[in-house]
PDB file of N, CA and C in Angstrom:
ATOM      1  N   PHE A   1     129.507  85.137  83.029  1.00  0.00           N
ATOM      2  CA  PHE A   1     129.531  86.213  82.886  1.00  0.00           C
ATOM      3  C   PHE A   1     130.215  86.627  81.308  1.00  0.00           C
ATOM      4  N   ARG A   2     131.311  86.166  81.203  1.00  0.00           N
ATOM      5  CA  ARG A   2     132.289  86.445  79.947  1.00  0.00           C
ATOM      6  C   ARG A   2     131.100  85.845  78.456  1.00  0.00           C
ATOM      7  N   GLN A   3     130.453  85.164  78.412  1.00  0.00           N
ATOM      8  CA  GLN A   3     129.864  84.921  77.541  1.00  0.00           C
ATOM      9  C   GLN A   3     128.532  85.691  77.399  1.00  0.00           C
ATOM     10  N   GLN A   4     127.918  86.332  78.487  1.00  0.00           N
ATOM     11  CA  GLN A   4     126.774  87.302  78.128  1.00  0.00           C
ATOM     12  C   GLN A   4     127.881  88.507  77.694  1.00  0.00           C
ATOM     13  N   GLU A   5     128.714  88.843  77.724  1.00  0.00           N
ATOM     14  CA  GLU A   5     129.516  89.912  77.451  1.00  0.00           C
ATOM     15  C   GLU A   5     129.768  89.706  75.740  1.00  0.00           C
ATOM     16  N   GLN A   6     130.302  88.612  75.886  1.00  0.00           N
ATOM     17  CA  GLN A   6     130.760  88.393  73.980  1.00  0.00           C
ATOM     18  C   GLN A   6     129.027  88.357  73.285  1.00  0.00           C
ATOM     19  N   ILE A   7     128.066  87.899  73.684  1.00  0.00           N
ATOM     20  CA  ILE A   7     126.744  88.014  73.280  1.00  0.00           C
ATOM     21  C   ILE A   7     126.297  89.538  72.830  1.00  0.00           C
ATOM     22  N   THR A   8     126.411  90.098  74.325  1.00  0.00           N
ATOM     23  CA  THR A   8     126.597  91.503  73.983  1.00  0.00           C
ATOM     24  C   THR A   8     126.968  92.313  73.051  1.00  0.00           C
ATOM     25  N   TRP A   9     127.963  92.263  73.103  1.00  0.00           N
ATOM     26  CA  TRP A   9     128.803  92.807  72.143  1.00  0.00           C
ATOM     27  C   TRP A   9     128.675  92.239  70.350  1.00  0.00           C
ATOM     28  N   TYR A  10     128.625  91.446  70.373  1.00  0.00           N
ATOM     29  CA  TYR A  10     128.275  90.577  69.080  1.00  0.00           C
ATOM     30  C   TYR A  10     126.895  91.408  68.562  1.00  0.00           C
ATOM     31  N   LEU A  11     125.997  91.208  69.254  1.00  0.00           N
ATOM     32  CA  LEU A  11     124.548  91.916  69.130  1.00  0.00           C
ATOM     33  C   LEU A  11     124.784  93.571  68.992  1.00  0.00           C
ATOM     34  N   MET A  12     125.159  94.129  69.733  1.00  0.00           N
ATOM     35  CA  MET A  12     125.228  95.341  69.922  1.00  0.00           C
ATOM     36  C   MET A  12     125.945  95.860  68.485  1.00  0.00           C
ATOM     37  N   ASP A  13     127.083  95.306  68.463  1.00  0.00           N
ATOM     38  CA  ASP A  13     127.991  95.860  67.113  1.00  0.00           C
ATOM     39  C   ASP A  13     127.529  95.619  66.015  1.00  0.00           C
ATOM     40  N   GLY A  14     126.542  94.561  65.776  1.00  0.00           N
ATOM     41  CA  GLY A  14     125.943  94.208  65.023  1.00  0.00           C
ATOM     42  C   GLY A  14     124.705  95.018  64.231  1.00  0.00           C
ATOM     43  N   LEU A  15     124.499  95.811  65.247  1.00  0.00           N
ATOM     44  CA  LEU A  15     122.895  96.676  64.935  1.00  0.00           C
ATOM     45  C   LEU A  15     123.341  97.955  64.446  1.00  0.00           C
ATOM     46  N   PRO A  16     123.482  98.139  63.283  1.00  0.00           N
ATOM     47  CA  PRO A  16     124.392  99.613  62.982  1.00  0.00           C
ATOM     48  C   PRO A  16     123.312 100.760  63.448  1.00  0.00           C
ATOM     49  N   GLY A  17     121.876 100.400  63.110  1.00  0.00           N
ATOM     50  CA  GLY A  17     120.905 101.709  63.858  1.00  0.00           C
ATOM     51  C   GLY A  17     120.822 101.557  64.842  1.00  0.00           C
ATOM     52  N   LEU A  18     121.679 100.920  65.839  1.00  0.00           N
ATOM     53  CA  LEU A  18     121.090 101.067  67.356  1.00  0.00           C
ATOM     54  C   LEU A  18     120.937 102.384  68.281  1.00  0.00           C
ATOM     55  N   LEU A  19     120.458 103.025  68.639  1.00  0.00           N
ATOM     56  CA  LEU A  19     120.344 104.168  69.045  1.00  0.00           C
ATOM     57  C   LEU A  19     120.386 103.922  70.476  1.00  0.00           C
ATOM     58  N   GLY A  20     120.008 102.820  71.340  1.00  0.00           N
ATOM     59  CA  GLY A  20     120.369 102.942  72.669  1.00  0.00           C
ATOM     60  C   GLY A  20     120.003 101.609  73.208  1.00  0.00           C
ATOM     61  N   ALA A  21     120.417 101.261  74.327  1.00  0.00           N
ATOM     62  CA  ALA A  21     119.999  99.967  75.388  1.00  0.00           C
ATOM     63  C   ALA A  21     120.045 100.229  76.487  1.00  0.00           C
ATOM     64  N   ALA A  22     119.181  99.178  77.294  1.00  0.00           N
ATOM     65  CA  ALA A  22     119.244  99.618  79.100  1.00  0.00           C
ATOM     66  C   ALA A  22     119.554  98.308  79.287  1.00  0.00           C
ATOM     67  N   PHE A  23     120.363  98.409  80.603  1.00  0.00           N
ATOM     68  CA  PHE A  23     120.503  97.419  81.212  1.00  0.00           C
ATOM     69  C   PHE A  23     120.425  97.104  82.691  1.00  0.00           C
ATOM     70  N   ASP A  24     120.041  95.807  83.275  1.00  0.00           N
ATOM     71  CA  ASP A  24     119.602  95.784  84.966  1.00  0.00           C
ATOM     72  C   ASP A  24     120.738  95.870  85.264  1.00  0.00           C
ATOM     73  N   ALA A  25     121.060  97.136  86.189  1.00  0.00           N
ATOM     74  CA  ALA A  25     122.356  97.354  86.767  1.00  0.00           C
ATOM     75  C   ALA A  25     122.235  96.646  87.951  1.00  0.00           C
ATOM     76  N   ARG A  26     121.543  96.069  88.447  1.00  0.00           N
ATOM     77  CA  ARG A  26     121.220  95.540  90.067  1.00  0.00           C
ATOM     78  C   ARG A  26     122.209  94.401  90.020  1.00  0.00           C
ATOM     79  N   GLY A  27     122.724  94.195  91.376  1.00  0.00           N
ATOM     80  CA  GLY A  27     123.431  92.453  91.314  1.00  0.00           C
ATOM     81  C   GLY A  27     124.492  92.341  89.840  1.00  0.00           C
ATOM     82  N   ASN A  28     124.072  90.953  89.933  1.00  0.00           N
ATOM     83  CA  ASN A  28     125.301  90.635  88.515  1.00  0.00           C
ATOM     84  C   ASN A  28     125.481  91.279  87.296  1.00  0.00           C
ATOM     85  N   GLY A  29     124.139  91.980  86.808  1.00  0.00           N
ATOM     86  CA  GLY A  29     124.042  92.657  85.704  1.00  0.00           C
ATOM     87  C   GLY A  29     124.586  94.197  85.766  1.00  0.00           C
ATOM     88  N   ALA A  30     125.178  94.363  87.264  1.00  0.00           N
ATOM     89  CA  ALA A  30     126.037  95.716  87.262  1.00  0.00           C
ATOM     90  C   ALA A  30     127.062  95.617  86.318  1.00  0.00           C
ATOM     91  N   TYR A  31     127.833  94.745  86.569  1.00  0.00           N
ATOM     92  CA  TYR A  31     129.325  94.446  85.954  1.00  0.00           C
ATOM     93  C   TYR A  31     129.068  94.739  84.353  1.00  0.00           C
ATOM     94  N   LEU A  32     128.091  94.073  83.535  1.00  0.00           N
ATOM     95  CA  LEU A  32     127.715  94.195  82.002  1.00  0.00           C
ATOM     96  C   LEU A  32     127.383  95.647  81.845  1.00  0.00           C
ATOM     97  N   ALA A  33     126.525  96.303  82.941  1.00  0.00           N
ATOM     98  CA  ALA A  33     125.841  97.320  82.692  1.00  0.00           C
ATOM     99  C   ALA A  33     126.979  98.795  82.446  1.00  0.00           C
ATOM    100  N   GLU A  34     127.634  98.637  83.475  1.00  0.00           N
ATOM    101  CA  GLU A  34     128.782  99.380  83.535  1.00  0.00           C
ATOM    102  C   GLU A  34     129.877  99.195  82.685  1.00  0.00           C
ATOM    103  N   TYR A  35     130.313  98.218  82.248  1.00  0.00           N
ATOM    104  CA  TYR A  35     131.122  97.811  80.992  1.00  0.00           C
ATOM    105  C   TYR A  35     130.379  98.102  79.472  1.00  0.00           C
ATOM    106  N   ALA A  36     129.103  97.931  79.404  1.00  0.00           N
ATOM    107  CA  ALA A  36     128.689  98.592  78.195  1.00  0.00           C
ATOM    108  C   ALA A  36     128.243 100.059  77.991  1.00  0.00           C
ATOM    109  N   MET A  37     128.190 100.716  79.251  1.00  0.00           N
ATOM    110  CA  MET A  37     128.011 102.072  79.229  1.00  0.00           C
ATOM    111  C   MET A  37     129.408 102.814  78.799  1.00  0.00           C
ATOM    112  N   GLN A  38     130.388 102.320  79.372  1.00  0.00           N
ATOM    113  CA  GLN A  38     131.998 102.678  79.059  1.00  0.00           C
ATOM    114  C   GLN A  38     132.232 102.471  77.698  1.00  0.00           C
ATOM    115  N   ARG A  39     131.726 101.285  77.243  1.00  0.00           N
ATOM    116  CA  ARG A  39     132.284 100.755  75.614  1.00  0.00           C
ATOM    117  C   ARG A  39     131.212 101.769  74.887  1.00  0.00           C
ATOM    118  N   TYR A  40     130.309 102.045  74.782  1.00  0.00           N
ATOM    119  CA  TYR A  40     129.378 102.496  74.090  1.00  0.00           C
ATOM    120  C   TYR A  40     128.912 103.887  74.150  1.00  0.00           C
ATOM    121  N   GLY A  41     129.052 104.373  75.505  1.00  0.00           N
ATOM    122  CA  GLY A  41     128.913 105.934  75.620  1.00  0.00           C
ATOM    123  C   GLY A  41     127.511 105.854  76.694  1.00  0.00           C
ATOM    124  N   SER A  42     127.329 106.894  77.603  1.00  0.00           N
ATOM    125  CA  SER A  42     126.600 107.058  78.697  1.00  0.00           C
ATOM    126  C   SER A  42     125.235 107.789  78.076  1.00  0.00           C
ATOM    127  N   GLY A  43     125.349 108.379  76.444  1.00  0.00           N
ATOM    128  CA  GLY A  43     124.570 108.543  75.810  1.00  0.00           C
ATOM    129  C   GLY A  43     123.581 107.576  75.057  1.00  0.00           C
ATOM    130  N   ARG A  44     123.935 106.302  74.970  1.00  0.00           N
ATOM    131  CA  ARG A  44     123.508 105.120  74.316  1.00  0.00           C
ATOM    132  C   ARG A  44     123.390 104.053  75.212  1.00  0.00           C
ATOM    133  N   VAL A  45     123.819 104.309  76.289  1.00  0.00           N
ATOM    134  CA  VAL A  45     123.347 103.034  77.257  1.00  0.00           C
ATOM    135  C   VAL A  45     122.966 103.435  78.665  1.00  0.00           C
ATOM    136  N   GLN A  46     121.831 102.980  78.874  1.00  0.00           N
ATOM    137  CA  GLN A  46     121.522 103.268  80.235  1.00  0.00           C
ATOM    138  C   GLN A  46     121.714 102.123  81.254  1.00  0.00           C
ATOM    139  N   GLN A  47     121.780 102.389  82.412  1.00  0.00           N
ATOM    140  CA  GLN A  47     121.734 101.628  83.534  1.00  0.00           C
ATOM    141  C   GLN A  47     120.755 101.662  84.578  1.00  0.00           C
ATOM    142  N   VAL A  48     119.940 100.835  84.541  1.00  0.00           N
ATOM    143  CA  VAL A  48     118.543 101.011  85.030  1.00  0.00           C
ATOM    144  C   VAL A  48     119.108  99.843  86.409  1.00  0.00           C
ATOM    145  N   MET A  49     118.430 100.893  87.096  1.00  0.00           N
ATOM    146  CA  MET A  49     118.292 100.133  88.726  1.00  0.00           C
ATOM    147  C   MET A  49     117.057 100.244  89.330  1.00  0.00           C
ATOM    148  N   PRO A  50     116.015  99.314  89.005  1.00  0.00           N
ATOM    149  CA  PRO A  50     114.429  99.397  89.423  1.00  0.00           C
ATOM    150  C   PRO A  50     114.440  99.296  91.161  1.00  0.00           C
ATOM    151  N   THR A  51     114.498 100.441  91.448  1.00  0.00           N
ATOM    152  CA  THR A  51     113.619 100.752  92.734  1.00  0.00           C
ATOM    153  C   THR A  51     112.487 100.787  93.000  1.00  0.00           C
ATOM    154  N   GLU A  52     111.698 101.143  94.399  1.00  0.00           N
ATOM    155  CA  GLU A  52     110.618 101.758  94.710  1.00  0.00           C
ATOM    156  C   GLU A  52     110.247 102.925  93.966  1.00  0.00           C
ATOM    157  N   GLY A  53     111.441 103.757  93.668  1.00  0.00           N
ATOM    158  CA  GLY A  53     111.047 105.305  93.312  1.00  0.00           C
ATOM    159  C   GLY A  53     110.998 105.102  91.781  1.00  0.00           C
ATOM    160  N   TRP A  54     111.896 104.019  91.125  1.00  0.00           N
ATOM    161  CA  TRP A  54     111.996 103.632  89.794  1.00  0.00           C
ATOM    162  C   TRP A  54     110.719 103.239  89.400  1.00  0.00           C
ATOM    163  N   TYR A  55     109.987 102.396  90.202  1.00  0.00           N
ATOM    164  CA  TYR A  55     108.759 101.631  89.939  1.00  0.00           C
ATOM    165  C   TYR A  55     107.738 102.777  89.955  1.00  0.00           C
ATOM    166  N   ARG A  56     107.780 103.572  91.097  1.00  0.00           N
ATOM    167  CA  ARG A  56     106.810 104.460  91.160  1.00  0.00           C
ATOM    168  C   ARG A  56     106.755 105.559  89.727  1.00  0.00           C
ATOM    169  N   GLU A  57     107.833 106.159  89.514  1.00  0.00           N
ATOM    170  CA  GLU A  57     107.807 106.876  88.198  1.00  0.00           C
ATOM    171  C   GLU A  57     107.353 106.035  86.930  1.00  0.00           C
ATOM    172  N   HIS A  58     107.882 105.041  86.504  1.00  0.00           N
ATOM    173  CA  HIS A  58     107.829 104.132  85.460  1.00  0.00           C
ATOM    174  C   HIS A  58     106.695 103.310  85.225  1.00  0.00           C
ATOM    175  N   MET A  59     106.227 102.992  86.303  1.00  0.00           N
ATOM    176  CA  MET A  59     104.929 101.753  85.873  1.00  0.00           C
ATOM    177  C   MET A  59     103.690 102.357  85.374  1.00  0.00           C
ATOM    178  N   PRO A  60     103.495 103.738  85.882  1.00  0.00           N
ATOM    179  CA  PRO A  60     101.966 104.375  85.702  1.00  0.00           C
ATOM    180  C   PRO A  60     102.137 104.368  84.185  1.00  0.00           C
ATOM    181  N   PRO A  61     103.153 104.692  83.451  1.00  0.00           N
ATOM    182  CA  PRO A  61     102.525 105.005  81.820  1.00  0.00           C
ATOM    183  C   PRO A  61     102.615 103.705  81.094  1.00  0.00           C
ATOM    184  N   VAL A  62     103.246 102.719  81.830  1.00  0.00           N
ATOM    185  CA  VAL A  62     103.475 101.248  81.155  1.00  0.00           C
ATOM    186  C   VAL A  62     101.816 100.603  81.405  1.00  0.00           C
ATOM    187  N   LYS A  63     101.219 101.093  82.681  1.00  0.00           N
ATOM    188  CA  LYS A  63      99.876 100.384  82.614  1.00  0.00           C
ATOM    189  C   LYS A  63      98.906 101.304  81.804  1.00  0.00           C
ATOM    190  N   ALA A  64      99.269 102.624  81.900  1.00  0.00           N
ATOM    191  CA  ALA A  64      98.403 103.318  81.167  1.00  0.00           C
ATOM    192  C   ALA A  64      98.480 102.853  79.531  1.00  0.00           C
ATOM    193  N   ALA A  65      99.574 102.572  79.165  1.00  0.00           N
ATOM    194  CA  ALA A  65     100.049 101.925  77.590  1.00  0.00           C
ATOM    195  C   ALA A  65      99.012 100.568  77.329  1.00  0.00           C
ATOM    196  N   LEU A  66      99.465  99.803  78.663  1.00  0.00           N
ATOM    197  CA  LEU A  66      98.838  98.567  78.376  1.00  0.00           C
ATOM    198  C   LEU A  66      97.218  99.020  78.421  1.00  0.00           C
ATOM    199  N   GLU A  67      96.697  99.812  79.275  1.00  0.00           N
ATOM    200  CA  GLU A  67      95.127  99.635  79.088  1.00  0.00           C
ATOM    201  C   GLU A  67      94.636 100.065  77.957  1.00  0.00           C
ATOM    202  N   ASP A  68      95.412 101.202  77.303  1.00  0.00           N
ATOM    203  CA  ASP A  68      94.927 102.100  76.073  1.00  0.00           C
ATOM    204  C   ASP A  68      95.387 100.963  74.836  1.00  0.00           C
ATOM    205  N   GLY A  69      95.994  99.740  75.068  1.00  0.00           N
ATOM    206  CA  GLY A  69      96.446  99.305  74.014  1.00  0.00           C
ATOM    207  C   GLY A  69      97.533  99.622  72.850  1.00  0.00           C
ATOM    208  N   ASN A  70      98.337 100.501  73.605  1.00  0.00           N
ATOM    209  CA  ASN A  70      99.291 101.181  72.824  1.00  0.00           C
ATOM    210  C   ASN A  70     100.568 100.224  72.915  1.00  0.00           C
ATOM    211  N   LEU A  71     100.589  99.263  73.692  1.00  0.00           N
ATOM    212  CA  LEU A  71     101.717  98.025  73.607  1.00  0.00           C
ATOM    213  C   LEU A  71     101.086  96.928  72.381  1.00  0.00           C
ATOM    214  N   VAL A  72     101.146  97.351  71.272  1.00  0.00           N
ATOM    215  CA  VAL A  72     100.811  96.164  70.240  1.00  0.00           C
ATOM    216  C   VAL A  72     101.965  95.413  69.939  1.00  0.00           C
ATOM    217  N   ASP A  73     103.271  95.926  70.176  1.00  0.00           N
ATOM    218  CA  ASP A  73     104.464  95.368  69.631  1.00  0.00           C
ATOM    219  C   ASP A  73     105.083  94.436  70.441  1.00  0.00           C
ATOM    220  N   LEU A  74     104.297  93.679  71.863  1.00  0.00           N
ATOM    221  CA  LEU A  74     104.865  93.100  72.647  1.00  0.00           C
ATOM    222  C   LEU A  74     105.168  91.718  72.169  1.00  0.00           C
ATOM    223  N   PRO A  75     106.164  91.233  72.667  1.00  0.00           N
ATOM    224  CA  PRO A  75     106.505  89.849  72.010  1.00  0.00           C
ATOM    225  C   PRO A  75     105.418  88.865  72.577  1.00  0.00           C
ATOM    226  N   LYS A  76     105.007  87.876  71.728  1.00  0.00           N
ATOM    227  CA  LYS A  76     104.028  86.900  71.979  1.00  0.00           C
ATOM    228  C   LYS A  76     104.687  85.614  72.446  1.00  0.00           C
ATOM    229  N   ASP A  77     105.433  86.017  73.598  1.00  0.00           N
ATOM    230  CA  ASP A  77     106.470  84.743  74.254  1.00  0.00           C
ATOM    231  C   ASP A  77     105.703  84.700  75.751  1.00  0.00           C
ATOM    232  N   GLU A  78     105.421  83.527  76.086  1.00  0.00           N
ATOM    233  CA  GLU A  78     104.908  83.399  77.574  1.00  0.00           C
ATOM    234  C   GLU A  78     106.033  84.119  78.401  1.00  0.00           C
ATOM    235  N   ASP A  79     106.999  83.682  78.448  1.00  0.00           N
ATOM    236  CA  ASP A  79     107.832  83.996  79.607  1.00  0.00           C
ATOM    237  C   ASP A  79     107.642  86.003  79.642  1.00  0.00           C
ATOM    238  N   THR A  80     107.688  86.478  78.426  1.00  0.00           N
ATOM    239  CA  THR A  80     107.343  88.042  78.694  1.00  0.00           C
ATOM    240  C   THR A  80     106.071  88.289  79.160  1.00  0.00           C
ATOM    241  N   LEU A  81     105.205  87.285  78.579  1.00  0.00           N
ATOM    242  CA  LEU A  81     104.040  88.028  78.891  1.00  0.00           C
ATOM    243  C   LEU A  81     103.606  87.435  80.680  1.00  0.00           C
ATOM    244  N   ASP A  82     104.198  86.500  81.302  1.00  0.00           N
ATOM    245  CA  ASP A  82     104.346  86.276  82.449  1.00  0.00           C
ATOM    246  C   ASP A  82     105.012  87.022  83.245  1.00  0.00           C
ATOM    247  N   ASP A  83     106.031  87.820  82.883  1.00  0.00           N
ATOM    248  CA  ASP A  83     106.432  88.952  83.361  1.00  0.00           C
ATOM    249  C   ASP A  83     105.778  90.039  84.037  1.00  0.00           C
ATOM    250  N   LEU A  84     105.107  90.736  82.822  1.00  0.00           N
ATOM    251  CA  LEU A  84     103.807  91.710  82.858  1.00  0.00           C
ATOM    252  C   LEU A  84     102.929  91.316  84.195  1.00  0.00           C
ATOM    253  N   ARG A  85     102.410  89.746  83.692  1.00  0.00           N
ATOM    254  CA  ARG A  85     101.643  89.401  85.063  1.00  0.00           C
ATOM    255  C   ARG A  85     102.042  89.206  86.224  1.00  0.00           C
ATOM    256  N   ALA A  86     103.206  89.131  86.550  1.00  0.00           N
ATOM    257  CA  ALA A  86     103.900  89.120  87.838  1.00  0.00           C
ATOM    258  C   ALA A  86     104.010  90.591  88.784  1.00  0.00           C
ATOM    259  N   VAL A  87     103.703  91.472  87.896  1.00  0.00           N
ATOM    260  CA  VAL A  87     103.546  92.939  88.435  1.00  0.00           C
ATOM    261  C   VAL A  87     102.542  92.743  89.832  1.00  0.00           C
ATOM    262  N   GLN A  88     102.823  93.213  90.973  1.00  0.00           N
ATOM    263  CA  GLN A  88     102.104  93.453  92.216  1.00  0.00           C
ATOM    264  C   GLN A  88     102.121  94.808  92.941  1.00  0.00           C
ATOM    265  N   VAL A  89     101.171  95.013  93.526  1.00  0.00           N
ATOM    266  CA  VAL A  89     101.350  96.358  94.358  1.00  0.00           C
ATOM    267  C   VAL A  89     102.147  95.932  95.766  1.00  0.00           C
ATOM    268  N   VAL A  90     103.104  96.553  95.982  1.00  0.00           N
ATOM    269  CA  VAL A  90     104.077  96.514  97.194  1.00  0.00           C
ATOM    270  C   VAL A  90     104.162  97.846  97.604  1.00  0.00           C
ATOM    271  N   ASN A  91     103.339  97.917  98.978  1.00  0.00           N
ATOM    272  CA  ASN A  91     103.463  99.579  99.480  1.00  0.00           C
ATOM    273  C   ASN A  91     103.274 100.401  98.939  1.00  0.00           C
ATOM    274  N   GLY A  92     102.141 100.338  98.023  1.00  0.00           N
ATOM    275  CA  GLY A  92     101.502 101.163  97.220  1.00  0.00           C
ATOM    276  C   GLY A  92     101.763 101.787  95.611  1.00  0.00           C
ATOM    277  N   VAL A  93     102.919 100.460  95.491  1.00  0.00           N
ATOM    278  CA  VAL A  93     103.860 100.857  94.158  1.00  0.00           C
ATOM    279  C   VAL A  93     103.631  99.606  93.309  1.00  0.00           C
ATOM    280  N   PRO A  94     103.321  99.641  92.144  1.00  0.00           N
ATOM    281  CA  PRO A  94     103.193  98.719  91.298  1.00  0.00           C
ATOM    282  C   PRO A  94     104.581  98.063  90.981  1.00  0.00           C
ATOM    283  N   ARG A  95     105.126  96.994  91.076  1.00  0.00           N
ATOM    284  CA  ARG A  95     106.260  96.441  90.898  1.00  0.00           C
ATOM    285  C   ARG A  95     106.734  95.016  90.639  1.00  0.00           C
ATOM    286  N   VAL A  96     107.426  94.730  90.063  1.00  0.00           N
ATOM    287  CA  VAL A  96     108.004  93.149  89.761  1.00  0.00           C
ATOM    288  C   VAL A  96     108.580  92.745  91.376  1.00  0.00           C
ATOM    289  N   PRO A  97     107.977  91.549  91.754  1.00  0.00           N
ATOM    290  CA  PRO A  97     108.324  90.951  93.089  1.00  0.00           C
ATOM    291  C   PRO A  97     109.991  90.817  93.183  1.00  0.00           C
ATOM    292  N   GLU A  98     110.550  91.181  93.968  1.00  0.00           N
ATOM    293  CA  GLU A  98     111.974  90.978  94.368  1.00  0.00           C
ATOM    294  C   GLU A  98     112.516  89.155  94.103  1.00  0.00           C
ATOM    295  N   GLN A  99     111.603  88.394  94.870  1.00  0.00           N
ATOM    296  CA  GLN A  99     111.701  86.722  94.568  1.00  0.00           C
ATOM    297  C   GLN A  99     111.737  86.404  93.137  1.00  0.00           C
ATOM    298  N   ARG A 100     112.348  85.351  92.836  1.00  0.00           N
ATOM    299  CA  ARG A 100     112.151  84.555  91.570  1.00  0.00           C
ATOM    300  C   ARG A 100     110.854  83.549  91.871  1.00  0.00           C
ATOM    301  N   SER A 101     109.511  83.997  90.974  1.00  0.00           N
ATOM    302  CA  SER A 101     108.620  83.049  91.690  1.00  0.00           C
ATOM    303  C   SER A 101     108.243  82.042  90.671  1.00  0.00           C
ATOM    304  N   LYS A 102     108.896  81.514  89.452  1.00  0.00           N
ATOM    305  CA  LYS A 102     108.817  80.263  88.998  1.00  0.00           C
ATOM    306  C   LYS A 102     109.572  80.151  87.796  1.00  0.00           C
ATOM    307  N   ALA A 103     109.740  78.965  87.117  1.00  0.00           N
ATOM    308  CA  ALA A 103     110.640  78.703  86.150  1.00  0.00           C
ATOM    309  C   ALA A 103     110.130  79.327  84.784  1.00  0.00           C
ATOM    310  N   LYS A 104     110.945  79.461  84.127  1.00  0.00           N
ATOM    311  CA  LYS A 104     110.609  79.845  82.479  1.00  0.00           C
ATOM    312  C   LYS A 104     110.272  79.030  81.825  1.00  0.00           C
ATOM    313  N   ALA A 105     109.443  78.974  80.613  1.00  0.00           N
ATOM    314  CA  ALA A 105     109.290  77.982  79.993  1.00  0.00           C
ATOM    315  C   ALA A 105     110.074  76.648  79.751  1.00  0.00           C
ATOM    316  N   ASP A 106     111.481  77.081  79.438  1.00  0.00           N
ATOM    317  CA  ASP A 106     112.675  76.127  79.027  1.00  0.00           C
ATOM    318  C   ASP A 106     113.020  75.824  80.459  1.00  0.00           C
ATOM    319  N   GLY A 107     112.492  76.055  81.660  1.00  0.00           N
ATOM    320  CA  GLY A 107     113.205  75.550  83.035  1.00  0.00           C
ATOM    321  C   GLY A 107     113.938  76.176  83.657  1.00  0.00           C
ATOM    322  N   GLY A 108     114.633  77.465  82.864  1.00  0.00           N
ATOM    323  CA  GLY A 108     115.327  78.302  83.720  1.00  0.00           C
ATOM    324  C   GLY A 108     114.567  78.973  84.774  1.00  0.00           C
ATOM    325  N   LYS A 109     115.319  79.960  85.601  1.00  0.00           N
ATOM    326  CA  LYS A 109     114.960  80.590  86.476  1.00  0.00           C
ATOM    327  C   LYS A 109     114.300  82.093  85.790  1.00  0.00           C
ATOM    328  N   ARG A 110     113.101  82.195  86.520  1.00  0.00           N
ATOM    329  CA  ARG A 110     112.592  83.893  86.138  1.00  0.00           C
ATOM    330  C   ARG A 110     112.276  84.373  87.400  1.00  0.00           C
ATOM    331  N   HIS A 111     111.471  85.688  87.024  1.00  0.00           N
ATOM    332  CA  HIS A 111     111.489  86.569  88.508  1.00  0.00           C
ATOM    333  C   HIS A 111     111.002  85.824  89.472  1.00  0.00           C
TER     334      HIS A 111
END
């Protein structure tokens, strides 16, 4: 955890034009999300807790942007694209499944 914190501060402190950041505040990420909000302020750091309600609110605009071709700046990274492909409809709500499904290209864990 300490290394994640050090890397985060290094990157965020090194971005003079940083307007904001979002952190997954569930599970192990809660510590870093809270600490980052305290360090950089709640106006710059959002603590995201993807719940069914969060997905219900945020996934329709993502889907529309994908369908309209407005997300042209997506990284051409296979793991990122696999994350988008992993979205499933659960109880009528599109979301990333809770369980991890497969390994990343480098062998690490993925959603």
